[in-house]
Each structure stands twice: as C-alpha cells, then as structure tokens.
Amino acid sequence: MSDNTGFTGHVSDLSNQNGFQWEFHCGRCSTEFRSDFAADNVSRFRGLVRGVSDLIGGQAYRVSSAADSFGGMFSNYGGASSAKDKAYARAVEAVKQQFKHCGGCGSWVCSSCWNGRVGMCQNCSPLAEHDLARAQASARGYQMRDAAAEQDWMRGQQVNVPVTVNCPSCGSHTTGGKFCGACGSSLQATANCRSCGSPMQPGAVFCTNCGHTG
C-alpha cells in the first residue's frame, strides 16, 4: 500500500481479510485514533458465495471455486491494493481532523499536545503554564530542603551511644530507648556485670568472667 497522503507515519494497520482499518498515533503522546472499519466488498462477495454453496450442497463447489478464482484474479491485477489505498485515503480524511501538523518539527500531534497560541506542538513550544508549574515545583523542593537543613533534628539524640535497630534478644524492631518494648531486654550494645563489672554481650544471662547473673 502506497502512502501519498502526507499524513503521520505513526500508524498501525489493523486490516484483515474482511476489510480495512487503521490506528493513527499522536507523534508526542501516542494517543490512538482508530478509523472506522471498512468492509472489503470482494471478500464479502466470496463469503456470500461460500455461504450459498454450503446451503445448496456439493454441486455448488464450482461456483465457490469460481468466486475464489475471481478474488485471486482481482488481487493479482492490483484490485485489492487499489481498494486498500482508497480505504486508507478515506480513513486519513476521517481522522486527520483530530491532528495538527507542527511546522517546527514536522510531527502530527493531537489537540492535547498542541500549543494553539503559537501554532506549534508542545515539544517545540511548551505551554507557559506547564513551564511555570515545573519551575514552581522545583523551587518548592529546593526551599523545603533548605528549610529542613536549618532545623535542629538532633536535639535529644545521643549521638555517642551506639544505636540498636533490632532487639538482640528477640529480634523485634526497636524505636529507641534503653529496653526492648517487646521483651524488656536491654538494648545497650554492651552491659556490665553487676557483680564484677566486666562487659557482657547483649542478651547474655551469665557473666563469662565470674559466672554470676548480669
């Protein structure tokens, strides 16, 4: 099928043996616009003849074969291609009103991607409101980071004490403090034996130095 319609190249051919249909895509956002299905009269004729031959019986085989031969001959002489070209041209005319042609980049885009104020697509000339919204969002991000950096987020935090995020005894997640909220065990990285003062590992019940309970 030749394409001399001067229209978008972003198109999908959905045609089948029963007729013709195409799907045209916006060159910017890929929104789809599908043409109406156009039945192929030759295929319809062959299907009708086959249906009649099935009803009549085996004697109509010659009629059905003749219909197939006619369809094949029609295709061989370019009839099918010509019919498809004409159907494509009609589909373009029906869908073309949904598109705008950008003189800046040559794209065919839908109305949602068109900047009507300057007559170009939004890739070549974005809407001022969109640019402003992006600039505002970017500025808000910078300002939030600056404002957060000015706050004292370490007030009350003991930065010289090792942090334990999971209880060494039961493995539960902790939210701070000296003892586990699930089992009550100490969350300190190390503890000292109350009898001899030697360091004990978290969760240890007996001191490895003196044997007394911690």
N, C-alpha and C. Protein backbone atom coordinates (compact mmCIF):
# COMPACT_ATOMS: atom_id res chain seq x y z
N MET A 1 0.84 -1.19 0.00
CA MET A 1 0.00 0.00 0.00
C MET A 1 0.88 1.24 0.00
N SER A 2 0.70 2.10 -0.98
CA SER A 2 1.48 3.33 -1.04
C SER A 2 0.82 4.39 -0.18
N ASP A 3 1.67 5.26 0.41
CA ASP A 3 1.16 6.32 1.28
C ASP A 3 1.59 7.66 0.71
N ASN A 4 0.69 8.31 -0.04
CA ASN A 4 0.98 9.62 -0.59
C ASN A 4 0.02 10.66 -0.03
N THR A 5 -0.46 10.39 1.18
CA THR A 5 -1.47 11.27 1.79
C THR A 5 -0.84 12.42 2.54
N GLY A 6 0.48 12.41 2.76
CA GLY A 6 1.11 13.48 3.51
C GLY A 6 0.62 13.56 4.94
N PHE A 7 0.51 12.41 5.59
CA PHE A 7 -0.02 12.36 6.96
C PHE A 7 0.99 11.64 7.84
N THR A 8 0.65 11.51 9.11
CA THR A 8 1.56 10.92 10.09
C THR A 8 2.01 9.52 9.69
N GLY A 9 3.26 9.21 9.99
CA GLY A 9 3.77 7.87 9.77
C GLY A 9 3.57 6.96 10.96
N HIS A 10 3.03 7.51 12.06
CA HIS A 10 2.77 6.70 13.26
C HIS A 10 1.40 6.04 13.10
N VAL A 11 1.36 4.95 12.39
CA VAL A 11 0.09 4.30 12.08
C VAL A 11 0.26 2.78 12.15
N SER A 12 -0.76 2.11 12.65
CA SER A 12 -0.78 0.65 12.73
C SER A 12 -1.88 0.12 11.81
N ASP A 13 -1.55 -0.86 11.01
CA ASP A 13 -2.51 -1.45 10.07
C ASP A 13 -3.26 -2.58 10.77
N LEU A 14 -4.55 -2.40 10.98
CA LEU A 14 -5.39 -3.40 11.64
C LEU A 14 -6.26 -4.16 10.63
N SER A 15 -5.99 -4.02 9.36
CA SER A 15 -6.81 -4.64 8.33
C SER A 15 -6.71 -6.16 8.40
N ASN A 16 -7.77 -6.83 7.94
CA ASN A 16 -7.79 -8.29 7.86
C ASN A 16 -8.48 -8.70 6.57
N GLN A 17 -8.76 -9.98 6.42
CA GLN A 17 -9.34 -10.48 5.18
C GLN A 17 -10.75 -9.97 4.94
N ASN A 18 -11.38 -9.42 5.96
CA ASN A 18 -12.76 -8.95 5.81
C ASN A 18 -12.86 -7.46 5.51
N GLY A 19 -11.77 -6.72 5.71
CA GLY A 19 -11.85 -5.29 5.46
C GLY A 19 -10.63 -4.54 5.96
N PHE A 20 -10.77 -3.22 6.02
CA PHE A 20 -9.63 -2.35 6.28
C PHE A 20 -9.89 -1.46 7.50
N GLN A 21 -8.83 -1.26 8.26
CA GLN A 21 -8.90 -0.38 9.42
C GLN A 21 -7.47 -0.01 9.83
N TRP A 22 -7.32 1.22 10.32
CA TRP A 22 -6.00 1.70 10.75
C TRP A 22 -6.13 2.44 12.08
N GLU A 23 -5.00 2.50 12.76
CA GLU A 23 -4.92 3.20 14.04
C GLU A 23 -3.79 4.22 13.93
N PHE A 24 -4.14 5.49 14.08
CA PHE A 24 -3.17 6.58 13.95
C PHE A 24 -2.78 7.07 15.35
N HIS A 25 -1.49 7.38 15.52
CA HIS A 25 -0.97 7.74 16.84
C HIS A 25 -0.41 9.16 16.84
N CYS A 26 -0.67 9.87 17.93
CA CYS A 26 -0.09 11.20 18.13
C CYS A 26 1.43 11.07 18.20
N GLY A 27 2.14 11.95 17.51
CA GLY A 27 3.59 11.89 17.49
C GLY A 27 4.25 12.32 18.78
N ARG A 28 3.46 12.83 19.74
CA ARG A 28 4.04 13.27 21.02
C ARG A 28 3.63 12.37 22.17
N CYS A 29 2.34 12.12 22.33
CA CYS A 29 1.86 11.35 23.49
C CYS A 29 1.39 9.95 23.11
N SER A 30 1.36 9.63 21.81
CA SER A 30 0.98 8.30 21.30
C SER A 30 -0.50 7.97 21.53
N THR A 31 -1.33 8.98 21.79
CA THR A 31 -2.77 8.74 21.87
C THR A 31 -3.26 8.14 20.55
N GLU A 32 -4.16 7.16 20.63
CA GLU A 32 -4.59 6.41 19.45
C GLU A 32 -5.93 6.93 18.93
N PHE A 33 -6.03 7.04 17.61
CA PHE A 33 -7.28 7.38 16.94
C PHE A 33 -7.51 6.32 15.87
N ARG A 34 -8.58 5.54 16.03
CA ARG A 34 -8.83 4.41 15.14
C ARG A 34 -9.90 4.77 14.12
N SER A 35 -9.64 4.45 12.86
CA SER A 35 -10.62 4.70 11.81
C SER A 35 -11.74 3.67 11.87
N ASP A 36 -12.87 4.00 11.27
CA ASP A 36 -13.98 3.05 11.20
C ASP A 36 -13.58 1.87 10.31
N PHE A 37 -14.12 0.71 10.63
CA PHE A 37 -13.83 -0.48 9.84
C PHE A 37 -14.56 -0.39 8.50
N ALA A 38 -13.81 -0.57 7.41
CA ALA A 38 -14.38 -0.54 6.06
C ALA A 38 -14.34 -1.94 5.47
N ALA A 39 -15.52 -2.52 5.23
CA ALA A 39 -15.58 -3.89 4.72
C ALA A 39 -15.03 -3.96 3.30
N ASP A 40 -14.36 -5.07 3.00
CA ASP A 40 -13.85 -5.34 1.66
C ASP A 40 -14.94 -6.03 0.86
N ASN A 41 -15.43 -5.38 -0.19
CA ASN A 41 -16.56 -5.92 -0.96
C ASN A 41 -16.22 -7.24 -1.63
N VAL A 42 -14.98 -7.39 -2.08
CA VAL A 42 -14.59 -8.65 -2.73
C VAL A 42 -14.62 -9.79 -1.73
N SER A 43 -14.09 -9.55 -0.54
CA SER A 43 -14.12 -10.59 0.50
C SER A 43 -15.54 -10.89 0.92
N ARG A 44 -16.36 -9.84 0.97
CA ARG A 44 -17.77 -10.06 1.32
C ARG A 44 -18.46 -10.92 0.27
N PHE A 45 -18.16 -10.66 -1.03
CA PHE A 45 -18.76 -11.44 -2.12
C PHE A 45 -18.35 -12.90 -2.03
N ARG A 46 -17.04 -13.14 -1.80
CA ARG A 46 -16.58 -14.52 -1.69
C ARG A 46 -17.24 -15.24 -0.51
N GLY A 47 -17.37 -14.55 0.61
CA GLY A 47 -18.00 -15.15 1.77
C GLY A 47 -19.46 -15.47 1.52
N LEU A 48 -20.14 -14.58 0.80
CA LEU A 48 -21.55 -14.81 0.48
C LEU A 48 -21.71 -16.02 -0.43
N VAL A 49 -20.83 -16.14 -1.43
CA VAL A 49 -20.92 -17.28 -2.35
C VAL A 49 -20.64 -18.58 -1.61
N ARG A 50 -19.64 -18.57 -0.73
CA ARG A 50 -19.34 -19.79 0.03
C ARG A 50 -20.53 -20.18 0.91
N GLY A 51 -21.18 -19.19 1.51
CA GLY A 51 -22.34 -19.49 2.34
C GLY A 51 -23.46 -20.11 1.54
N VAL A 52 -23.71 -19.60 0.34
CA VAL A 52 -24.76 -20.15 -0.52
C VAL A 52 -24.39 -21.57 -0.95
N SER A 53 -23.12 -21.80 -1.27
CA SER A 53 -22.71 -23.14 -1.71
C SER A 53 -22.85 -24.15 -0.59
N ASP A 54 -22.63 -23.72 0.64
CA ASP A 54 -22.81 -24.63 1.77
C ASP A 54 -24.27 -25.03 1.91
N LEU A 55 -25.17 -24.08 1.63
CA LEU A 55 -26.60 -24.38 1.74
C LEU A 55 -27.08 -25.27 0.60
N ILE A 56 -26.57 -25.02 -0.61
CA ILE A 56 -27.03 -25.78 -1.78
C ILE A 56 -26.47 -27.19 -1.78
N GLY A 57 -25.20 -27.31 -1.43
CA GLY A 57 -24.60 -28.64 -1.43
C GLY A 57 -23.38 -28.70 -2.31
N GLY A 58 -22.91 -29.92 -2.54
CA GLY A 58 -21.66 -30.14 -3.25
C GLY A 58 -21.67 -29.65 -4.68
N GLN A 59 -22.84 -29.60 -5.34
CA GLN A 59 -22.87 -29.19 -6.74
C GLN A 59 -22.47 -27.73 -6.91
N ALA A 60 -22.53 -26.96 -5.84
CA ALA A 60 -22.17 -25.54 -5.95
C ALA A 60 -20.67 -25.32 -5.75
N TYR A 61 -19.92 -26.42 -5.70
CA TYR A 61 -18.46 -26.30 -5.49
C TYR A 61 -17.83 -25.45 -6.59
N ARG A 62 -18.33 -25.66 -7.84
CA ARG A 62 -17.76 -24.92 -8.96
C ARG A 62 -18.01 -23.43 -8.80
N VAL A 63 -19.17 -23.07 -8.25
CA VAL A 63 -19.49 -21.65 -8.05
C VAL A 63 -18.55 -21.05 -7.02
N SER A 64 -18.33 -21.79 -5.93
CA SER A 64 -17.43 -21.31 -4.88
C SER A 64 -16.01 -21.18 -5.39
N SER A 65 -15.57 -22.16 -6.20
CA SER A 65 -14.22 -22.11 -6.76
C SER A 65 -14.08 -20.93 -7.70
N ALA A 66 -15.14 -20.66 -8.45
CA ALA A 66 -15.11 -19.52 -9.37
C ALA A 66 -14.99 -18.22 -8.59
N ALA A 67 -15.68 -18.14 -7.46
CA ALA A 67 -15.60 -16.93 -6.64
C ALA A 67 -14.20 -16.74 -6.10
N ASP A 68 -13.58 -17.85 -5.68
CA ASP A 68 -12.20 -17.75 -5.19
C ASP A 68 -11.25 -17.34 -6.30
N SER A 69 -11.48 -17.90 -7.49
CA SER A 69 -10.63 -17.55 -8.63
C SER A 69 -10.78 -16.08 -8.98
N PHE A 70 -12.01 -15.59 -8.91
CA PHE A 70 -12.25 -14.18 -9.20
C PHE A 70 -11.55 -13.29 -8.19
N GLY A 71 -11.63 -13.71 -6.91
CA GLY A 71 -10.96 -12.92 -5.87
C GLY A 71 -9.46 -12.92 -6.05
N GLY A 72 -8.89 -14.10 -6.41
CA GLY A 72 -7.45 -14.15 -6.64
C GLY A 72 -7.03 -13.33 -7.83
N MET A 73 -7.84 -13.39 -8.90
CA MET A 73 -7.54 -12.62 -10.10
C MET A 73 -7.63 -11.12 -9.81
N PHE A 74 -8.59 -10.75 -8.97
CA PHE A 74 -8.78 -9.34 -8.60
C PHE A 74 -7.55 -8.83 -7.85
N SER A 75 -7.01 -9.69 -6.98
CA SER A 75 -5.83 -9.31 -6.21
C SER A 75 -4.60 -9.23 -7.11
N ASN A 76 -4.46 -10.21 -8.04
CA ASN A 76 -3.29 -10.25 -8.90
C ASN A 76 -3.19 -9.03 -9.80
N TYR A 77 -4.33 -8.49 -10.20
CA TYR A 77 -4.33 -7.34 -11.09
C TYR A 77 -4.34 -6.02 -10.33
N GLY A 78 -4.08 -6.09 -9.03
CA GLY A 78 -3.95 -4.85 -8.26
C GLY A 78 -5.24 -4.31 -7.72
N GLY A 79 -6.33 -5.05 -7.90
CA GLY A 79 -7.62 -4.54 -7.41
C GLY A 79 -7.66 -4.41 -5.91
N ALA A 80 -7.12 -5.42 -5.21
CA ALA A 80 -7.15 -5.39 -3.75
C ALA A 80 -6.29 -4.24 -3.22
N SER A 81 -5.13 -4.05 -3.84
CA SER A 81 -4.25 -2.96 -3.42
C SER A 81 -4.91 -1.61 -3.64
N SER A 82 -5.56 -1.46 -4.80
CA SER A 82 -6.25 -0.22 -5.10
C SER A 82 -7.38 0.04 -4.10
N ALA A 83 -8.12 -1.01 -3.77
CA ALA A 83 -9.21 -0.87 -2.80
C ALA A 83 -8.68 -0.46 -1.44
N LYS A 84 -7.54 -1.03 -1.06
CA LYS A 84 -6.96 -0.70 0.24
C LYS A 84 -6.44 0.73 0.25
N ASP A 85 -5.82 1.15 -0.85
CA ASP A 85 -5.34 2.53 -0.94
C ASP A 85 -6.48 3.52 -0.81
N LYS A 86 -7.58 3.23 -1.47
CA LYS A 86 -8.73 4.13 -1.39
C LYS A 86 -9.32 4.14 0.02
N ALA A 87 -9.38 2.96 0.64
CA ALA A 87 -9.89 2.89 2.01
C ALA A 87 -8.98 3.65 2.97
N TYR A 88 -7.67 3.56 2.74
CA TYR A 88 -6.72 4.28 3.59
C TYR A 88 -6.88 5.79 3.43
N ALA A 89 -7.05 6.24 2.21
CA ALA A 89 -7.24 7.67 1.97
C ALA A 89 -8.49 8.18 2.68
N ARG A 90 -9.56 7.38 2.64
CA ARG A 90 -10.80 7.78 3.34
C ARG A 90 -10.58 7.80 4.85
N ALA A 91 -9.82 6.82 5.36
CA ALA A 91 -9.53 6.77 6.80
C ALA A 91 -8.73 7.99 7.24
N VAL A 92 -7.76 8.39 6.41
CA VAL A 92 -6.96 9.57 6.73
C VAL A 92 -7.83 10.81 6.79
N GLU A 93 -8.71 10.98 5.82
CA GLU A 93 -9.58 12.15 5.80
C GLU A 93 -10.50 12.18 7.02
N ALA A 94 -10.92 11.01 7.48
CA ALA A 94 -11.83 10.96 8.63
C ALA A 94 -11.11 11.27 9.94
N VAL A 95 -9.84 10.87 10.04
CA VAL A 95 -9.11 11.01 11.30
C VAL A 95 -8.24 12.26 11.34
N LYS A 96 -7.92 12.79 10.19
CA LYS A 96 -6.95 13.89 10.10
C LYS A 96 -7.38 15.11 10.91
N GLN A 97 -8.67 15.31 11.06
CA GLN A 97 -9.16 16.47 11.81
C GLN A 97 -8.79 16.40 13.29
N GLN A 98 -8.41 15.22 13.78
CA GLN A 98 -8.00 15.06 15.17
C GLN A 98 -6.54 15.48 15.40
N PHE A 99 -5.82 15.80 14.33
CA PHE A 99 -4.39 16.07 14.42
C PHE A 99 -4.06 17.48 13.96
N LYS A 100 -2.92 17.97 14.44
CA LYS A 100 -2.34 19.23 13.99
C LYS A 100 -0.92 18.96 13.51
N HIS A 101 -0.52 19.67 12.46
CA HIS A 101 0.82 19.48 11.91
C HIS A 101 1.73 20.60 12.38
N CYS A 102 2.83 20.23 13.05
CA CYS A 102 3.77 21.22 13.59
C CYS A 102 4.79 21.59 12.52
N GLY A 103 4.88 22.88 12.23
CA GLY A 103 5.87 23.33 11.26
C GLY A 103 7.28 23.35 11.80
N GLY A 104 7.41 23.28 13.14
CA GLY A 104 8.74 23.31 13.75
C GLY A 104 9.49 22.01 13.61
N CYS A 105 8.81 20.89 13.92
CA CYS A 105 9.48 19.59 13.89
C CYS A 105 8.87 18.63 12.87
N GLY A 106 7.72 19.01 12.30
CA GLY A 106 7.09 18.15 11.30
C GLY A 106 6.20 17.07 11.87
N SER A 107 6.00 17.05 13.18
CA SER A 107 5.18 16.00 13.80
C SER A 107 3.70 16.29 13.63
N TRP A 108 2.92 15.21 13.61
CA TRP A 108 1.47 15.31 13.66
C TRP A 108 1.05 14.95 15.09
N VAL A 109 0.42 15.90 15.78
CA VAL A 109 0.09 15.70 17.19
C VAL A 109 -1.40 15.93 17.40
N CYS A 110 -1.91 15.39 18.52
CA CYS A 110 -3.32 15.57 18.86
C CYS A 110 -3.52 16.96 19.47
N SER A 111 -4.77 17.34 19.66
CA SER A 111 -5.09 18.67 20.17
C SER A 111 -4.55 18.89 21.58
N SER A 112 -4.42 17.82 22.37
CA SER A 112 -3.91 17.96 23.74
C SER A 112 -2.43 18.31 23.75
N CYS A 113 -1.72 18.01 22.68
CA CYS A 113 -0.28 18.28 22.59
C CYS A 113 0.03 19.48 21.71
N TRP A 114 -0.98 20.29 21.45
CA TRP A 114 -0.84 21.43 20.54
C TRP A 114 -0.88 22.74 21.31
N ASN A 115 0.05 23.63 21.02
CA ASN A 115 0.05 24.98 21.60
C ASN A 115 -0.58 25.91 20.58
N GLY A 116 -1.86 26.15 20.75
CA GLY A 116 -2.59 26.96 19.79
C GLY A 116 -2.19 28.42 19.78
N ARG A 117 -1.56 28.90 20.85
CA ARG A 117 -1.17 30.31 20.92
C ARG A 117 -0.07 30.65 19.93
N VAL A 118 0.81 29.69 19.68
CA VAL A 118 1.93 29.95 18.77
C VAL A 118 1.86 29.07 17.53
N GLY A 119 0.94 28.11 17.49
CA GLY A 119 0.80 27.25 16.32
C GLY A 119 1.89 26.23 16.17
N MET A 120 2.34 25.67 17.30
CA MET A 120 3.37 24.63 17.28
C MET A 120 3.02 23.57 18.31
N CYS A 121 3.67 22.40 18.19
CA CYS A 121 3.43 21.36 19.18
C CYS A 121 4.11 21.75 20.49
N GLN A 122 3.72 21.09 21.57
CA GLN A 122 4.25 21.44 22.88
C GLN A 122 5.68 20.94 23.10
N ASN A 123 6.19 20.10 22.20
CA ASN A 123 7.61 19.78 22.26
C ASN A 123 8.44 20.98 21.81
N CYS A 124 7.99 21.63 20.75
CA CYS A 124 8.70 22.80 20.23
C CYS A 124 8.41 24.05 21.05
N SER A 125 7.20 24.18 21.54
CA SER A 125 6.82 25.37 22.30
C SER A 125 5.90 24.96 23.45
N PRO A 126 6.49 24.55 24.59
CA PRO A 126 5.68 24.14 25.74
C PRO A 126 4.77 25.27 26.22
N LEU A 127 3.64 24.90 26.79
CA LEU A 127 2.74 25.90 27.36
C LEU A 127 3.42 26.59 28.53
N ALA A 128 3.24 27.93 28.61
CA ALA A 128 3.88 28.70 29.68
C ALA A 128 3.43 28.21 31.05
N GLU A 129 2.15 27.81 31.16
CA GLU A 129 1.65 27.32 32.45
C GLU A 129 2.37 26.05 32.89
N HIS A 130 2.68 25.19 31.93
CA HIS A 130 3.39 23.96 32.26
C HIS A 130 4.81 24.25 32.73
N ASP A 131 5.49 25.16 32.02
CA ASP A 131 6.85 25.53 32.43
C ASP A 131 6.85 26.17 33.81
N LEU A 132 5.85 27.04 34.05
CA LEU A 132 5.78 27.71 35.35
C LEU A 132 5.51 26.70 36.47
N ALA A 133 4.61 25.75 36.22
CA ALA A 133 4.31 24.73 37.23
C ALA A 133 5.54 23.90 37.55
N ARG A 134 6.32 23.53 36.51
CA ARG A 134 7.55 22.76 36.75
C ARG A 134 8.56 23.58 37.54
N ALA A 135 8.69 24.89 37.19
CA ALA A 135 9.63 25.75 37.91
C ALA A 135 9.23 25.91 39.37
N GLN A 136 7.91 26.07 39.61
CA GLN A 136 7.43 26.20 40.98
C GLN A 136 7.69 24.93 41.78
N ALA A 137 7.45 23.79 41.18
CA ALA A 137 7.68 22.52 41.88
C ALA A 137 9.16 22.35 42.21
N SER A 138 10.03 22.72 41.27
CA SER A 138 11.46 22.61 41.52
C SER A 138 11.89 23.56 42.63
N ALA A 139 11.36 24.79 42.61
CA ALA A 139 11.71 25.77 43.66
C ALA A 139 11.22 25.31 45.02
N ARG A 140 10.01 24.73 45.06
CA ARG A 140 9.49 24.23 46.34
C ARG A 140 10.42 23.16 46.91
N GLY A 141 10.91 22.30 46.04
CA GLY A 141 11.82 21.25 46.50
C GLY A 141 13.09 21.82 47.11
N TYR A 142 13.69 22.81 46.43
CA TYR A 142 14.90 23.44 46.97
C TYR A 142 14.60 24.14 48.30
N GLN A 143 13.48 24.87 48.36
CA GLN A 143 13.15 25.61 49.58
C GLN A 143 12.86 24.67 50.74
N MET A 144 12.20 23.55 50.47
CA MET A 144 11.93 22.59 51.54
C MET A 144 13.22 22.01 52.08
N ARG A 145 14.16 21.68 51.17
CA ARG A 145 15.44 21.14 51.64
C ARG A 145 16.22 22.18 52.45
N ASP A 146 16.18 23.45 52.01
CA ASP A 146 16.88 24.50 52.76
C ASP A 146 16.24 24.70 54.12
N ALA A 147 14.89 24.71 54.17
CA ALA A 147 14.20 24.91 55.44
C ALA A 147 14.46 23.75 56.39
N ALA A 148 14.49 22.54 55.85
CA ALA A 148 14.75 21.37 56.70
C ALA A 148 16.18 21.40 57.24
N ALA A 149 17.12 21.89 56.42
CA ALA A 149 18.52 21.93 56.86
C ALA A 149 18.74 22.93 57.98
N GLU A 150 17.86 23.94 58.08
CA GLU A 150 18.01 24.95 59.13
C GLU A 150 17.47 24.48 60.48
N GLN A 151 16.75 23.39 60.51
CA GLN A 151 16.18 22.89 61.75
C GLN A 151 17.18 21.99 62.48
N ASP A 152 17.04 21.96 63.82
CA ASP A 152 17.89 21.09 64.65
C ASP A 152 17.19 19.75 64.83
N TRP A 153 17.56 18.81 63.99
CA TRP A 153 16.94 17.49 64.04
C TRP A 153 17.64 16.55 65.01
N MET A 154 18.73 17.00 65.65
CA MET A 154 19.49 16.14 66.55
C MET A 154 19.22 16.44 68.01
N ARG A 155 18.30 17.36 68.26
CA ARG A 155 18.00 17.69 69.65
C ARG A 155 17.46 16.45 70.38
N GLY A 156 18.07 16.13 71.51
CA GLY A 156 17.63 14.98 72.30
C GLY A 156 18.23 13.66 71.86
N GLN A 157 19.00 13.67 70.77
CA GLN A 157 19.61 12.43 70.29
C GLN A 157 20.98 12.23 70.93
N GLN A 158 21.25 11.03 71.39
CA GLN A 158 22.54 10.69 71.97
C GLN A 158 23.43 10.10 70.88
N VAL A 159 24.18 10.98 70.24
CA VAL A 159 24.96 10.55 69.08
C VAL A 159 26.18 9.73 69.48
N ASN A 160 26.56 9.77 70.77
CA ASN A 160 27.73 9.00 71.20
C ASN A 160 27.35 7.62 71.71
N VAL A 161 26.06 7.26 71.63
CA VAL A 161 25.60 5.95 72.07
C VAL A 161 25.26 5.11 70.84
N PRO A 162 25.84 3.91 70.71
CA PRO A 162 25.52 3.06 69.56
C PRO A 162 24.02 2.78 69.46
N VAL A 163 23.50 2.86 68.27
CA VAL A 163 22.07 2.67 68.04
C VAL A 163 21.79 1.20 67.71
N THR A 164 20.76 0.66 68.33
CA THR A 164 20.32 -0.71 68.06
C THR A 164 18.95 -0.66 67.42
N VAL A 165 18.83 -1.14 66.20
CA VAL A 165 17.55 -1.08 65.49
C VAL A 165 16.72 -2.34 65.69
N ASN A 166 17.36 -3.42 66.13
CA ASN A 166 16.65 -4.66 66.44
C ASN A 166 17.11 -5.17 67.80
N CYS A 167 16.14 -5.68 68.56
CA CYS A 167 16.47 -6.20 69.88
C CYS A 167 17.42 -7.39 69.75
N PRO A 168 18.55 -7.38 70.45
CA PRO A 168 19.48 -8.51 70.36
C PRO A 168 18.94 -9.79 70.97
N SER A 169 17.87 -9.68 71.78
CA SER A 169 17.31 -10.88 72.42
C SER A 169 16.22 -11.54 71.59
N CYS A 170 15.24 -10.72 71.16
CA CYS A 170 14.09 -11.30 70.44
C CYS A 170 14.04 -10.92 68.97
N GLY A 171 14.88 -9.98 68.56
CA GLY A 171 14.92 -9.59 67.15
C GLY A 171 13.86 -8.60 66.73
N SER A 172 13.02 -8.12 67.66
CA SER A 172 11.96 -7.18 67.30
C SER A 172 12.55 -5.83 66.93
N HIS A 173 11.85 -5.12 66.04
CA HIS A 173 12.29 -3.77 65.65
C HIS A 173 12.10 -2.82 66.83
N THR A 174 13.07 -1.95 67.03
CA THR A 174 13.01 -1.02 68.16
C THR A 174 12.82 0.41 67.66
N THR A 175 12.27 1.23 68.51
CA THR A 175 12.04 2.64 68.18
C THR A 175 12.81 3.56 69.11
N GLY A 176 13.86 3.06 69.73
CA GLY A 176 14.66 3.88 70.64
C GLY A 176 14.44 3.47 72.08
N GLY A 177 15.16 4.13 72.98
CA GLY A 177 15.05 3.79 74.39
C GLY A 177 16.14 2.83 74.81
N LYS A 178 16.09 2.45 76.09
CA LYS A 178 17.12 1.56 76.64
C LYS A 178 16.70 0.10 76.66
N PHE A 179 15.38 -0.14 76.60
CA PHE A 179 14.90 -1.52 76.71
C PHE A 179 13.94 -1.83 75.56
N CYS A 180 13.88 -3.11 75.22
CA CYS A 180 13.00 -3.58 74.13
C CYS A 180 11.55 -3.50 74.57
N GLY A 181 10.71 -2.95 73.70
CA GLY A 181 9.29 -2.85 74.00
C GLY A 181 8.57 -4.17 73.88
N ALA A 182 9.20 -5.18 73.27
CA ALA A 182 8.55 -6.48 73.09
C ALA A 182 8.89 -7.46 74.20
N CYS A 183 10.18 -7.51 74.59
CA CYS A 183 10.57 -8.50 75.60
C CYS A 183 11.19 -7.88 76.85
N GLY A 184 11.48 -6.59 76.83
CA GLY A 184 12.02 -5.92 78.00
C GLY A 184 13.52 -6.03 78.18
N SER A 185 14.20 -6.68 77.24
CA SER A 185 15.65 -6.83 77.36
C SER A 185 16.35 -5.50 77.10
N SER A 186 17.55 -5.38 77.62
CA SER A 186 18.34 -4.17 77.43
C SER A 186 18.76 -4.04 75.97
N LEU A 187 18.70 -2.80 75.48
CA LEU A 187 19.10 -2.54 74.10
C LEU A 187 20.51 -1.98 74.01
N GLN A 188 21.19 -1.84 75.14
CA GLN A 188 22.54 -1.33 75.12
C GLN A 188 23.46 -2.32 74.41
N ALA A 189 24.38 -1.76 73.62
CA ALA A 189 25.28 -2.62 72.86
C ALA A 189 26.11 -3.50 73.79
N THR A 190 26.50 -2.96 74.92
CA THR A 190 27.22 -3.76 75.92
C THR A 190 26.65 -3.44 77.28
N ALA A 191 26.75 -4.39 78.20
CA ALA A 191 26.32 -4.19 79.58
C ALA A 191 27.43 -4.68 80.50
N ASN A 192 27.44 -4.20 81.69
CA ASN A 192 28.46 -4.61 82.66
C ASN A 192 27.85 -5.51 83.72
N CYS A 193 28.62 -6.52 84.11
CA CYS A 193 28.18 -7.43 85.16
C CYS A 193 28.05 -6.66 86.47
N ARG A 194 26.91 -6.82 87.14
CA ARG A 194 26.68 -6.10 88.40
C ARG A 194 27.54 -6.66 89.53
N SER A 195 28.12 -7.84 89.29
CA SER A 195 28.94 -8.43 90.34
C SER A 195 30.41 -8.03 90.22
N CYS A 196 30.99 -8.21 89.00
CA CYS A 196 32.42 -7.93 88.85
C CYS A 196 32.70 -6.74 87.94
N GLY A 197 31.66 -6.24 87.27
CA GLY A 197 31.85 -5.07 86.41
C GLY A 197 32.39 -5.38 85.03
N SER A 198 32.57 -6.64 84.70
CA SER A 198 33.10 -7.00 83.38
C SER A 198 32.04 -6.78 82.29
N PRO A 199 32.45 -6.40 81.08
CA PRO A 199 31.49 -6.22 79.99
C PRO A 199 30.78 -7.53 79.65
N MET A 200 29.47 -7.44 79.35
CA MET A 200 28.68 -8.60 78.95
C MET A 200 28.03 -8.31 77.59
N GLN A 201 27.93 -9.33 76.79
CA GLN A 201 27.29 -9.20 75.49
C GLN A 201 25.78 -9.04 75.67
N PRO A 202 25.11 -8.28 74.78
CA PRO A 202 23.66 -8.11 74.89
C PRO A 202 22.96 -9.46 74.86
N GLY A 203 22.00 -9.63 75.77
CA GLY A 203 21.23 -10.86 75.83
C GLY A 203 21.86 -11.94 76.68
N ALA A 204 23.11 -11.74 77.11
CA ALA A 204 23.76 -12.76 77.95
C ALA A 204 23.14 -12.78 79.33
N VAL A 205 22.91 -13.97 79.86
CA VAL A 205 22.30 -14.11 81.18
C VAL A 205 23.39 -14.21 82.26
N PHE A 206 24.47 -14.90 81.95
CA PHE A 206 25.53 -15.09 82.94
C PHE A 206 26.81 -14.39 82.47
N CYS A 207 27.54 -13.89 83.42
CA CYS A 207 28.82 -13.24 83.16
C CYS A 207 29.86 -14.31 82.84
N THR A 208 30.60 -14.12 81.76
CA THR A 208 31.62 -15.10 81.38
C THR A 208 32.88 -14.96 82.22
N ASN A 209 32.94 -13.92 83.03
CA ASN A 209 34.13 -13.71 83.86
C ASN A 209 33.98 -14.29 85.26
N CYS A 210 32.77 -14.05 85.87
CA CYS A 210 32.59 -14.52 87.24
C CYS A 210 31.47 -15.54 87.38
N GLY A 211 30.65 -15.71 86.34
CA GLY A 211 29.58 -16.70 86.38
C GLY A 211 28.31 -16.23 87.03
N HIS A 212 28.28 -15.03 87.57
CA HIS A 212 27.05 -14.52 88.17
C HIS A 212 26.10 -14.01 87.08
N THR A 213 24.82 -13.91 87.44
CA THR A 213 23.84 -13.35 86.50
C THR A 213 24.08 -11.86 86.38
N GLY A 214 23.87 -11.38 85.14
CA GLY A 214 24.10 -9.96 84.92
C GLY A 214 23.06 -9.10 85.54
